[in-house]
Structure formats: C-alpha cells, structure tokens
Amino acid sequence: MLLVKLIVLLLLGFVIISLFSGLYFLVKDKGQSSRTVNALSVRIGLSIVAIVIVMLAGATGVIELNPSPLSSQPGKASPSADPDASDLNPEDRPPGGGRRPIQNGS
C-alpha cells in the first residue's frame, strides 16, 4: 500500500515538473516550437497513468477508498451521529434536544 502511494506521489511530482517546464518553454520560445505541446502531452500522459493506478489499486483492494455518501441507507443514522440519541424515544430525550444549557461565565 505504501509503495502505491509513493508511486502516485512521484507521478504527481513529475506532473508538476512537466507543467512548469511547459510554462518555461512557452515563455522562452514564445510559442514558436513544439516543446510546450510535448511537455503538456507528457503531463496529460502522466496524469492518466496516475488515475489508472489509483483506480486499479482501489479495485484490487490495495488501497481503501472512502465510502460514498450516496450509498448510505435512507432513514438510518449516519455513523457520525450520536448513537445514544438515536436509541431514545422522543419522549425520553432530554429537553432542548440534548444540548447543554448556556451557563453565564463568572
């Protein structure tokens, strides 16, 4: 897993280097050569390779992907919700929605 993350980070580093080399060639050559296009083509290729590696690593289980918020069941409490509050009946809940009363600081 660490190896895949390292490879993706290296690829993204090379993408940034290629981006700035394309900018350098654009300014230096003033658009008269194809070095800018070549640098940006390398950037696109490296980006595609990085995306494919992340997709393959996620599909094979090498890296763990975050769950989609759309995949949760409607009507169920989210994992971040307070588990104690969802178990209570509305009559058993403390007044004020379970919030602590505001205390005057003194």
C-alpha atoms as a PDB file:
ATOM      1  CA  MET A   1       0.000   0.000   0.000  1.00  0.00           C
ATOM      2  CA  LEU A   2       2.811   2.387   0.831  1.00  0.00           C
ATOM      3  CA  LEU A   3       4.505   1.577  -2.474  1.00  0.00           C
ATOM      4  CA  VAL A   4       1.386   2.506  -4.455  1.00  0.00           C
ATOM      5  CA  LYS A   5       1.078   5.799  -2.580  1.00  0.00           C
ATOM      6  CA  LEU A   6       4.744   6.552  -3.216  1.00  0.00           C
ATOM      7  CA  ILE A   7       4.375   5.809  -6.934  1.00  0.00           C
ATOM      8  CA  VAL A   8       1.317   8.072  -7.205  1.00  0.00           C
ATOM      9  CA  LEU A   9       3.105  10.874  -5.330  1.00  0.00           C
ATOM     10  CA  LEU A  10       6.121  10.573  -7.641  1.00  0.00           C
ATOM     11  CA  LEU A  11       3.867  10.667 -10.693  1.00  0.00           C
ATOM     12  CA  LEU A  12       2.113  13.779  -9.385  1.00  0.00           C
ATOM     13  CA  GLY A  13       5.506  15.377  -8.726  1.00  0.00           C
ATOM     14  CA  PHE A  14       6.531  14.668 -12.318  1.00  0.00           C
ATOM     15  CA  VAL A  15       3.196  16.135 -13.482  1.00  0.00           C
ATOM     16  CA  ILE A  16       4.004  19.393 -11.680  1.00  0.00           C
ATOM     17  CA  ILE A  17       7.543  19.419 -13.102  1.00  0.00           C
ATOM     18  CA  SER A  18       6.145  18.871 -16.597  1.00  0.00           C
ATOM     19  CA  LEU A  19       3.610  21.642 -16.080  1.00  0.00           C
ATOM     20  CA  PHE A  20       6.283  24.160 -15.122  1.00  0.00           C
ATOM     21  CA  SER A  21       8.599  23.026 -17.919  1.00  0.00           C
ATOM     22  CA  GLY A  22       5.734  23.654 -20.356  1.00  0.00           C
ATOM     23  CA  LEU A  23       5.343  27.139 -18.890  1.00  0.00           C
ATOM     24  CA  TYR A  24       9.081  27.735 -19.229  1.00  0.00           C
ATOM     25  CA  PHE A  25       9.097  26.626 -22.872  1.00  0.00           C
ATOM     26  CA  LEU A  26       6.034  28.754 -23.576  1.00  0.00           C
ATOM     27  CA  VAL A  27       7.716  31.884 -22.229  1.00  0.00           C
ATOM     28  CA  LYS A  28      11.173  31.161 -23.673  1.00  0.00           C
ATOM     29  CA  ASP A  29      10.153  30.031 -27.176  1.00  0.00           C
ATOM     30  CA  LYS A  30       7.224  32.455 -27.427  1.00  0.00           C
ATOM     31  CA  GLY A  31       5.107  29.691 -28.961  1.00  0.00           C
ATOM     32  CA  GLN A  32       7.424  29.101 -31.944  1.00  0.00           C
ATOM     33  CA  SER A  33       8.399  25.493 -31.127  1.00  0.00           C
ATOM     34  CA  SER A  34       6.534  22.338 -30.185  1.00  0.00           C
ATOM     35  CA  ARG A  35       8.374  21.874 -26.857  1.00  0.00           C
ATOM     36  CA  THR A  36       5.410  23.348 -24.962  1.00  0.00           C
ATOM     37  CA  VAL A  37       2.999  20.906 -26.579  1.00  0.00           C
ATOM     38  CA  ASN A  38       5.355  17.995 -25.852  1.00  0.00           C
ATOM     39  CA  ALA A  39       5.687  18.977 -22.186  1.00  0.00           C
ATOM     40  CA  LEU A  40       1.936  19.295 -21.777  1.00  0.00           C
ATOM     41  CA  SER A  41       1.393  15.968 -23.580  1.00  0.00           C
ATOM     42  CA  VAL A  42       3.745  14.319 -21.089  1.00  0.00           C
ATOM     43  CA  ARG A  43       1.753  15.919 -18.270  1.00  0.00           C
ATOM     44  CA  ILE A  44      -1.512  14.513 -19.602  1.00  0.00           C
ATOM     45  CA  GLY A  45       0.030  11.064 -20.045  1.00  0.00           C
ATOM     46  CA  LEU A  46       1.413  11.045 -16.503  1.00  0.00           C
ATOM     47  CA  SER A  47      -1.957  12.165 -15.126  1.00  0.00           C
ATOM     48  CA  ILE A  48      -3.744   9.354 -16.948  1.00  0.00           C
ATOM     49  CA  VAL A  49      -1.231   6.814 -15.643  1.00  0.00           C
ATOM     50  CA  ALA A  50      -1.725   8.118 -12.069  1.00  0.00           C
ATOM     51  CA  ILE A  51      -5.518   7.890 -12.373  1.00  0.00           C
ATOM     52  CA  VAL A  52      -5.332   4.354 -13.763  1.00  0.00           C
ATOM     53  CA  ILE A  53      -3.009   3.251 -10.941  1.00  0.00           C
ATOM     54  CA  VAL A  54      -5.356   4.680  -8.309  1.00  0.00           C
ATOM     55  CA  MET A  55      -8.364   3.008  -9.956  1.00  0.00           C
ATOM     56  CA  LEU A  56      -6.611  -0.364 -10.182  1.00  0.00           C
ATOM     57  CA  ALA A  57      -5.346  -0.132  -6.607  1.00  0.00           C
ATOM     58  CA  GLY A  58      -8.850   0.694  -5.395  1.00  0.00           C
ATOM     59  CA  ALA A  59     -10.448  -2.101  -7.415  1.00  0.00           C
ATOM     60  CA  THR A  60      -7.972  -4.709  -6.188  1.00  0.00           C
ATOM     61  CA  GLY A  61      -8.163  -3.563  -2.564  1.00  0.00           C
ATOM     62  CA  VAL A  62      -4.561  -2.408  -2.292  1.00  0.00           C
ATOM     63  CA  ILE A  63      -5.791   0.980  -1.081  1.00  0.00           C
ATOM     64  CA  GLU A  64      -9.002   1.555   0.849  1.00  0.00           C
ATOM     65  CA  LEU A  65     -11.408   4.001  -0.722  1.00  0.00           C
ATOM     66  CA  ASN A  66     -13.764   6.236   1.248  1.00  0.00           C
ATOM     67  CA  PRO A  67     -17.422   5.169   1.167  1.00  0.00           C
ATOM     68  CA  SER A  68     -19.779   7.184  -0.987  1.00  0.00           C
ATOM     69  CA  PRO A  69     -22.247   9.366   0.917  1.00  0.00           C
ATOM     70  CA  LEU A  70     -24.882   8.294  -1.608  1.00  0.00           C
ATOM     71  CA  SER A  71     -24.577   4.634  -0.613  1.00  0.00           C
ATOM     72  CA  SER A  72     -25.983   5.120   2.907  1.00  0.00           C
ATOM     73  CA  GLN A  73     -29.467   3.809   3.626  1.00  0.00           C
ATOM     74  CA  PRO A  74     -32.219   6.454   3.850  1.00  0.00           C
ATOM     75  CA  GLY A  75     -33.656   6.763   7.309  1.00  0.00           C
ATOM     76  CA  LYS A  76     -30.649   5.264   9.043  1.00  0.00           C
ATOM     77  CA  ALA A  77     -28.477   7.357  11.302  1.00  0.00           C
ATOM     78  CA  SER A  78     -25.119   8.280   9.874  1.00  0.00           C
ATOM     79  CA  PRO A  79     -22.031   6.847  11.625  1.00  0.00           C
ATOM     80  CA  SER A  80     -21.097  10.307  12.852  1.00  0.00           C
ATOM     81  CA  ALA A  81     -24.448  10.783  14.596  1.00  0.00           C
ATOM     82  CA  ASP A  82     -24.711  10.394  18.356  1.00  0.00           C
ATOM     83  CA  PRO A  83     -25.525   6.700  18.938  1.00  0.00           C
ATOM     84  CA  ASP A  84     -27.178   7.372  22.307  1.00  0.00           C
ATOM     85  CA  ALA A  85     -29.598   9.963  20.947  1.00  0.00           C
ATOM     86  CA  SER A  86     -30.858   7.732  18.120  1.00  0.00           C
ATOM     87  CA  ASP A  87     -31.824   4.934  20.547  1.00  0.00           C
ATOM     88  CA  LEU A  88     -34.099   7.147  22.648  1.00  0.00           C
ATOM     89  CA  ASN A  89     -37.788   7.644  22.070  1.00  0.00           C
ATOM     90  CA  PRO A  90     -38.830  11.266  21.530  1.00  0.00           C
ATOM     91  CA  GLU A  91     -40.439  11.271  24.997  1.00  0.00           C
ATOM     92  CA  ASP A  92     -37.225  10.043  26.646  1.00  0.00           C
ATOM     93  CA  ARG A  93     -34.954  12.651  25.120  1.00  0.00           C
ATOM     94  CA  PRO A  94     -33.820  15.493  27.341  1.00  0.00           C
ATOM     95  CA  PRO A  95     -35.452  18.874  26.764  1.00  0.00           C
ATOM     96  CA  GLY A  96     -33.748  21.217  24.339  1.00  0.00           C
ATOM     97  CA  GLY A  97     -32.575  18.457  22.034  1.00  0.00           C
ATOM     98  CA  GLY A  98     -29.994  17.180  24.499  1.00  0.00           C
ATOM     99  CA  ARG A  99     -27.892  20.314  24.399  1.00  0.00           C
ATOM    100  CA  ARG A 100     -26.295  21.684  27.489  1.00  0.00           C
ATOM    101  CA  PRO A 101     -27.791  24.918  28.834  1.00  0.00           C
ATOM    102  CA  ILE A 102     -25.746  28.057  28.334  1.00  0.00           C
ATOM    103  CA  GLN A 103     -24.007  28.999  31.558  1.00  0.00           C
ATOM    104  CA  ASN A 104     -23.013  32.518  32.391  1.00  0.00           C
ATOM    105  CA  GLY A 105     -19.272  32.696  32.876  1.00  0.00           C
ATOM    106  CA  SER A 106     -18.248  34.121  36.239  1.00  0.00           C
END
